[in-house]
Amino acid sequence: MKSNKVVVMGSFVVDLMMRADRLPVQGETVKGNSFMTGAGGKGSNQGVAAAKSGANVVMITKIGADGFGEIAKESFRSCGMNTRYVFTDADYPTGAALIMVDENTSQNKIVVTIGASGKITHDDIEYARGEIESAAVFLTQLESNLDAVVNAINIAHNAGVAVILNPAPADRFPQQLYSKIDIFTPNETEAEFFCGIKIETEEDARAAAAFFLDKGVKNCIITMGKQGAFLMNKDISRLFPPFNVKVVDTTGAGDAFNGGLAAAYAEGKGLEDSVIFASAVASLSVTKLGTAKAMPAREEIDALITAMETKY
């Protein structure tokens, strides 16, 4: 196992972001105030967050043979990420996401087409097997094709690599996968999708986390927006409050949390300290516009934690 090494498998899409005074309702057109493009996708965002948090990141994804794919390569290279396993598919385009942001509330609506990211093959995963088996942490989501996710998790689990699954977007997966997950990180909406418990309070989160632990998950972290992050395992049951920051754009906050969590855990931080670190990464990410561009540098993260350490 290589210390500090995080292998991230997942989607890459180009974000097409529009900001307006409010979000449209069904059938309505609203004038926007600004437009920007950038690297995105849950896998990519989490990889960038982990890399900027200090991890040695290997990215596994698939892009199209198009201009959007070049954006992916440049984004990964600029963060110092290993791009050997950024595969290209000539038959499918690079994914894209349309993101609408309400400038008054910072809330968003997103439609994503994952394109080539949904075509990661068994051969692709086998080619990257050595990287997965030698990682400290393997991090993935449900935004790429499920067979690739299951295959890669099995490889990581069998090699004794810590597996973090961020089950987003929420979708069904084989029940036997739960016992191979070291850290399960749904947000409150995703947790409700899987367990049927509406999560509004800490007690709700505790009940939902217990459901996942009963399924075989070793550690469950439910992110709860403004309320913070709830961690539960057989020894710990704790709600971590968020850091107090000025929110500009919440897009990508969950990805920031997961990338920061993977980086902290890979470098040997304990689980509670890893959650605090991840919370700092997520909190800083919402103070800036965009997703990958908004992921904070390690110096910013350490400074925020030092400034706020008495809170914990």
Protein backbone atom coordinates (compact mmCIF):
# COMPACT_ATOMS: atom_id res chain seq x y z
CA MET A 1 0.00 0.00 0.00
CA LYS A 2 1.32 3.45 -0.92
CA SER A 3 0.86 6.01 1.83
CA ASN A 4 -1.26 9.01 0.82
CA LYS A 5 -2.40 7.33 -2.41
CA VAL A 6 -6.06 7.71 -3.31
CA VAL A 7 -7.54 6.03 -6.38
CA VAL A 8 -10.72 7.74 -7.52
CA MET A 9 -12.98 6.12 -10.08
CA GLY A 10 -15.96 7.95 -11.48
CA SER A 11 -17.40 10.42 -13.90
CA PHE A 12 -16.01 13.41 -15.71
CA VAL A 13 -18.36 15.94 -17.24
CA VAL A 14 -18.00 19.53 -18.33
CA ASP A 15 -20.11 21.82 -16.16
CA LEU A 16 -22.20 24.43 -17.95
CA MET A 17 -23.25 26.76 -15.14
CA MET A 18 -25.87 29.50 -15.30
CA ARG A 19 -26.68 31.81 -12.40
CA ALA A 20 -29.95 33.71 -12.02
CA ASP A 21 -31.94 35.61 -9.39
CA ARG A 22 -34.15 32.55 -9.01
CA LEU A 23 -34.58 29.09 -10.46
CA PRO A 24 -37.32 28.52 -13.06
CA VAL A 25 -40.42 26.52 -12.32
CA GLN A 26 -41.70 23.97 -14.80
CA GLY A 27 -42.30 25.48 -18.24
CA GLU A 28 -40.76 28.84 -17.31
CA THR A 29 -37.80 30.68 -18.85
CA VAL A 30 -35.74 32.87 -16.54
CA LYS A 31 -33.09 35.39 -17.55
CA GLY A 32 -29.65 34.49 -16.27
CA ASN A 33 -27.00 36.79 -14.87
CA SER A 34 -23.86 34.85 -15.80
CA PHE A 35 -22.53 31.73 -17.52
CA MET A 36 -19.33 29.76 -17.00
CA THR A 37 -17.88 26.39 -17.97
CA GLY A 38 -15.48 24.15 -16.10
CA ALA A 39 -14.41 20.63 -15.22
CA GLY A 40 -17.01 18.65 -13.27
CA GLY A 41 -18.63 15.29 -12.60
CA LYS A 42 -18.70 13.63 -9.20
CA GLY A 43 -15.63 11.46 -9.81
CA SER A 44 -13.59 14.31 -11.22
CA ASN A 45 -14.66 16.78 -8.53
CA GLN A 46 -13.79 14.33 -5.76
CA GLY A 47 -10.44 13.56 -7.37
CA VAL A 48 -9.58 17.25 -7.66
CA ALA A 49 -10.66 17.87 -4.06
CA ALA A 50 -8.48 14.99 -2.83
CA ALA A 51 -5.49 16.15 -4.86
CA LYS A 52 -5.75 19.75 -3.69
CA SER A 53 -6.14 18.44 -0.14
CA GLY A 54 -2.71 16.84 -0.44
CA ALA A 55 -3.39 13.28 -1.63
CA ASN A 56 -1.48 11.46 -4.35
CA VAL A 57 -4.43 10.86 -6.68
CA VAL A 58 -4.83 8.35 -9.50
CA MET A 59 -7.96 9.06 -11.55
CA ILE A 60 -9.92 6.35 -13.38
CA THR A 61 -12.53 7.71 -15.79
CA LYS A 62 -13.49 7.74 -19.45
CA ILE A 63 -13.90 10.68 -21.82
CA GLY A 64 -14.84 11.19 -25.45
CA ALA A 65 -12.48 12.05 -28.29
CA ASP A 66 -13.65 15.66 -28.29
CA GLY A 67 -12.91 19.14 -27.00
CA PHE A 68 -14.60 18.51 -23.66
CA GLY A 69 -12.25 15.57 -23.16
CA GLU A 70 -9.27 17.89 -23.52
CA ILE A 71 -10.70 19.98 -20.67
CA ALA A 72 -10.60 16.84 -18.52
CA LYS A 73 -6.96 16.13 -19.22
CA GLU A 74 -5.91 19.70 -18.57
CA SER A 75 -7.88 19.84 -15.33
CA PHE A 76 -6.26 16.67 -14.00
CA ARG A 77 -2.76 17.65 -15.06
CA SER A 78 -3.09 21.07 -13.44
CA CYS A 79 -3.73 19.33 -10.09
CA GLY A 80 -0.80 16.95 -10.51
CA MET A 81 -3.04 13.92 -10.90
CA ASN A 82 -2.00 10.67 -12.60
CA THR A 83 -3.94 10.54 -15.92
CA ARG A 84 -2.69 7.19 -17.22
CA TYR A 85 -6.14 5.70 -16.55
CA VAL A 86 -8.19 8.46 -18.15
CA PHE A 87 -9.49 6.32 -21.00
CA THR A 88 -10.88 7.64 -24.30
CA ASP A 89 -13.93 6.21 -26.07
CA ALA A 90 -14.30 7.16 -29.73
CA ASP A 91 -17.97 6.15 -29.83
CA TYR A 92 -19.34 8.26 -26.97
CA PRO A 93 -18.96 11.96 -26.14
CA THR A 94 -17.56 13.41 -22.95
CA GLY A 95 -20.32 13.99 -20.41
CA ALA A 96 -21.88 17.37 -19.69
CA ALA A 97 -23.92 18.89 -16.86
CA LEU A 98 -26.30 21.83 -16.98
CA ILE A 99 -26.25 23.58 -13.60
CA MET A 100 -28.68 26.34 -12.62
CA VAL A 101 -27.86 28.31 -9.48
CA ASP A 102 -30.14 30.67 -7.53
CA GLU A 103 -27.94 33.65 -6.61
CA ASN A 104 -30.11 34.59 -3.64
CA THR A 105 -30.25 31.20 -1.93
CA SER A 106 -27.19 29.48 -3.50
CA GLN A 107 -29.37 26.43 -4.16
CA ASN A 108 -29.09 24.61 -7.47
CA LYS A 109 -30.72 22.28 -9.98
CA ILE A 110 -28.60 19.98 -12.12
CA VAL A 111 -29.17 17.77 -15.16
CA VAL A 112 -26.23 15.57 -16.14
CA THR A 113 -25.50 13.24 -19.04
CA ILE A 114 -22.42 11.18 -18.21
CA GLY A 115 -21.57 10.11 -21.77
CA ALA A 116 -18.32 8.12 -22.00
CA SER A 117 -18.01 7.98 -18.20
CA GLY A 118 -20.79 5.43 -18.22
CA LYS A 119 -18.82 3.08 -20.48
CA ILE A 120 -15.91 2.03 -18.24
CA THR A 121 -15.19 -1.59 -19.17
CA HIS A 122 -13.94 -4.67 -17.36
CA ASP A 123 -10.68 -4.38 -19.33
CA ASP A 124 -10.27 -0.77 -18.21
CA ILE A 125 -10.58 -1.80 -14.57
CA GLU A 126 -8.20 -4.73 -15.04
CA TYR A 127 -5.64 -2.37 -16.59
CA ALA A 128 -5.85 -0.23 -13.44
CA ARG A 129 -5.96 -3.20 -11.03
CA GLY A 130 -2.42 -2.67 -9.74
CA GLU A 131 -3.15 0.96 -8.87
CA ILE A 132 -6.34 0.03 -7.01
CA GLU A 133 -4.65 -2.78 -5.07
CA SER A 134 -1.76 -0.54 -3.97
CA ALA A 135 -3.91 2.41 -2.82
CA ALA A 136 -4.50 3.54 0.74
CA VAL A 137 -8.07 4.51 -0.18
CA PHE A 138 -10.36 3.68 -3.10
CA LEU A 139 -13.12 6.25 -3.61
CA THR A 140 -16.04 5.91 -6.00
CA GLN A 141 -19.65 6.98 -6.59
CA LEU A 142 -22.69 5.78 -8.56
CA GLU A 143 -22.46 8.26 -11.44
CA SER A 144 -20.53 5.89 -13.73
CA ASN A 145 -21.73 2.43 -14.83
CA LEU A 146 -22.60 0.10 -11.96
CA ASP A 147 -20.74 -2.96 -13.24
CA ALA A 148 -17.47 -0.98 -13.19
CA VAL A 149 -18.21 0.28 -9.66
CA VAL A 150 -18.90 -3.23 -8.36
CA ASN A 151 -15.85 -4.69 -10.09
CA ALA A 152 -13.49 -2.03 -8.74
CA ILE A 153 -14.89 -2.23 -5.19
CA ASN A 154 -14.39 -6.00 -5.21
CA ILE A 155 -10.75 -5.55 -6.26
CA ALA A 156 -10.10 -2.93 -3.59
CA HIS A 157 -11.86 -4.89 -0.83
CA ASN A 158 -10.05 -8.13 -1.66
CA ALA A 159 -6.73 -6.26 -1.50
CA GLY A 160 -7.51 -4.78 1.92
CA VAL A 161 -7.84 -1.23 0.58
CA ALA A 162 -10.20 1.11 2.44
CA VAL A 163 -13.31 1.60 0.28
CA ILE A 164 -15.32 4.82 0.39
CA LEU A 165 -18.60 4.73 -1.53
CA ASN A 166 -20.45 7.99 -2.03
CA PRO A 167 -23.81 6.60 -3.25
CA ALA A 168 -24.64 9.52 -5.52
CA PRO A 169 -26.70 9.88 -7.50
CA ALA A 170 -28.82 7.48 -5.45
CA ASP A 171 -29.46 4.25 -7.33
CA ARG A 172 -29.87 0.58 -6.52
CA PHE A 173 -26.79 -1.60 -6.18
CA PRO A 174 -26.24 -5.23 -5.07
CA GLN A 175 -26.95 -5.72 -1.35
CA GLN A 176 -23.80 -7.77 -0.87
CA LEU A 177 -21.75 -4.69 -1.67
CA TYR A 178 -22.58 -3.11 1.72
CA SER A 179 -20.24 -5.44 3.60
CA LYS A 180 -17.33 -4.38 1.36
CA ILE A 181 -17.74 -0.67 2.14
CA ASP A 182 -15.51 0.79 4.84
CA ILE A 183 -17.05 4.28 4.75
CA PHE A 184 -20.52 4.94 3.30
CA THR A 185 -21.22 8.65 2.67
CA PRO A 186 -24.78 9.46 1.56
CA ASN A 187 -26.32 12.87 2.05
CA GLU A 188 -29.69 13.02 3.79
CA THR A 189 -31.67 12.64 0.55
CA GLU A 190 -29.62 9.69 -0.65
CA ALA A 191 -29.81 8.01 2.75
CA GLU A 192 -33.62 8.31 2.68
CA PHE A 193 -33.66 6.73 -0.79
CA PHE A 194 -31.88 3.63 0.51
CA CYS A 195 -33.40 3.22 3.96
CA GLY A 196 -36.75 5.01 3.77
CA ILE A 197 -36.08 7.25 6.78
CA LYS A 198 -36.64 10.97 6.23
CA ILE A 199 -33.70 12.71 7.83
CA GLU A 200 -34.36 16.03 9.52
CA THR A 201 -32.73 15.61 12.93
CA GLU A 202 -29.71 13.97 14.52
CA GLU A 203 -31.94 11.16 15.79
CA ASP A 204 -33.17 10.54 12.25
CA ALA A 205 -29.57 10.34 11.05
CA ARG A 206 -28.72 7.92 13.85
CA ALA A 207 -31.59 5.63 12.84
CA ALA A 208 -30.57 5.75 9.18
CA ALA A 209 -26.91 5.10 9.99
CA ALA A 210 -27.91 2.12 12.12
CA PHE A 211 -29.77 0.72 9.10
CA PHE A 212 -26.59 0.87 7.01
CA LEU A 213 -24.42 -0.60 9.77
CA ASP A 214 -26.86 -3.51 10.01
CA LYS A 215 -26.36 -4.03 6.27
CA GLY A 216 -22.63 -4.50 6.84
CA VAL A 217 -21.18 -1.02 6.34
CA LYS A 218 -18.31 -0.44 8.80
CA ASN A 219 -18.66 3.34 9.11
CA CYS A 220 -21.50 5.60 7.97
CA ILE A 221 -21.25 9.36 7.46
CA ILE A 222 -24.47 11.15 6.53
CA THR A 223 -23.91 14.70 5.32
CA MET A 224 -26.75 16.98 6.37
CA GLY A 225 -26.08 20.34 4.77
CA LYS A 226 -26.29 23.20 7.27
CA GLN A 227 -26.57 20.76 10.17
CA GLY A 228 -23.18 19.22 9.46
CA ALA A 229 -22.08 15.59 9.13
CA PHE A 230 -23.22 12.66 11.27
CA LEU A 231 -20.73 9.83 11.86
CA MET A 232 -21.66 6.46 13.27
CA ASN A 233 -19.92 3.12 13.73
CA LYS A 234 -19.97 0.52 16.51
CA ASP A 235 -18.05 2.88 18.82
CA ILE A 236 -18.95 6.42 17.71
CA SER A 237 -22.20 8.32 17.26
CA ARG A 238 -21.47 12.00 16.67
CA LEU A 239 -22.77 15.02 14.78
CA PHE A 240 -20.03 17.35 13.52
CA PRO A 241 -21.28 20.93 13.03
CA PRO A 242 -20.28 22.75 9.85
CA PHE A 243 -17.73 25.55 9.80
CA ASN A 244 -19.15 29.07 9.81
CA VAL A 245 -18.50 30.53 6.35
CA LYS A 246 -20.24 32.84 3.89
CA VAL A 247 -22.02 30.62 1.36
CA VAL A 248 -21.74 31.65 -2.29
CA ASP A 249 -22.40 28.41 -4.22
CA THR A 250 -23.24 24.99 -2.75
CA THR A 251 -22.59 23.11 -6.02
CA GLY A 252 -19.99 20.41 -5.43
CA ALA A 253 -19.96 20.64 -1.63
CA GLY A 254 -20.63 16.92 -1.24
CA ASP A 255 -17.83 16.12 -3.67
CA ALA A 256 -15.48 18.40 -1.72
CA PHE A 257 -16.38 16.55 1.48
CA ASN A 258 -15.71 13.12 -0.02
CA GLY A 259 -12.44 14.13 -1.66
CA GLY A 260 -11.23 15.72 1.56
CA LEU A 261 -12.31 12.69 3.58
CA ALA A 262 -10.39 10.33 1.30
CA ALA A 263 -7.26 12.48 1.44
CA ALA A 264 -7.30 12.77 5.22
CA TYR A 265 -8.00 9.07 5.79
CA ALA A 266 -5.30 8.04 3.29
CA GLU A 267 -2.66 10.02 5.14
CA GLY A 268 -3.52 8.26 8.39
CA LYS A 269 -5.84 10.65 10.19
CA GLY A 270 -8.38 9.01 12.49
CA LEU A 271 -11.96 8.85 11.31
CA GLU A 272 -13.19 11.74 13.48
CA ASP A 273 -10.30 13.98 12.44
CA SER A 274 -10.93 12.97 8.83
CA VAL A 275 -14.56 14.10 9.13
CA ILE A 276 -13.45 17.46 10.57
CA PHE A 277 -10.95 17.83 7.72
CA ALA A 278 -13.61 16.92 5.13
CA SER A 279 -16.04 19.40 6.67
CA ALA A 280 -13.45 22.13 6.31
CA VAL A 281 -12.88 21.24 2.65
CA ALA A 282 -16.63 21.31 1.97
CA SER A 283 -17.12 24.56 3.88
CA LEU A 284 -14.37 26.32 1.95
CA SER A 285 -15.68 25.03 -1.37
CA VAL A 286 -19.03 26.79 -0.93
CA THR A 287 -17.34 30.18 -0.50
CA LYS A 288 -16.40 30.21 -4.20
CA LEU A 289 -18.17 29.82 -7.53
CA GLY A 290 -18.01 26.55 -9.45
CA THR A 291 -17.07 22.99 -8.59
CA ALA A 292 -13.51 21.86 -9.37
CA LYS A 293 -12.34 25.49 -9.42
CA ALA A 294 -13.77 25.98 -5.94
CA MET A 295 -11.88 23.12 -4.27
CA PRO A 296 -9.56 24.62 -1.64
CA ALA A 297 -5.80 24.17 -1.33
CA ARG A 298 -4.28 22.35 1.64
CA GLU A 299 -3.01 25.60 3.16
CA GLU A 300 -6.56 27.03 3.26
CA ILE A 301 -7.91 23.85 4.85
CA ASP A 302 -5.29 23.70 7.59
CA ALA A 303 -5.74 27.40 8.33
CA LEU A 304 -9.52 27.05 8.74
CA ILE A 305 -9.21 24.03 11.01
CA THR A 306 -6.62 25.81 13.16
CA ALA A 307 -8.79 28.91 13.42
CA MET A 308 -11.89 26.91 14.36
CA GLU A 309 -10.37 24.04 16.35
CA THR A 310 -11.97 25.10 19.64
CA LYS A 311 -15.39 24.48 18.07
CA TYR A 312 -14.71 20.73 18.11
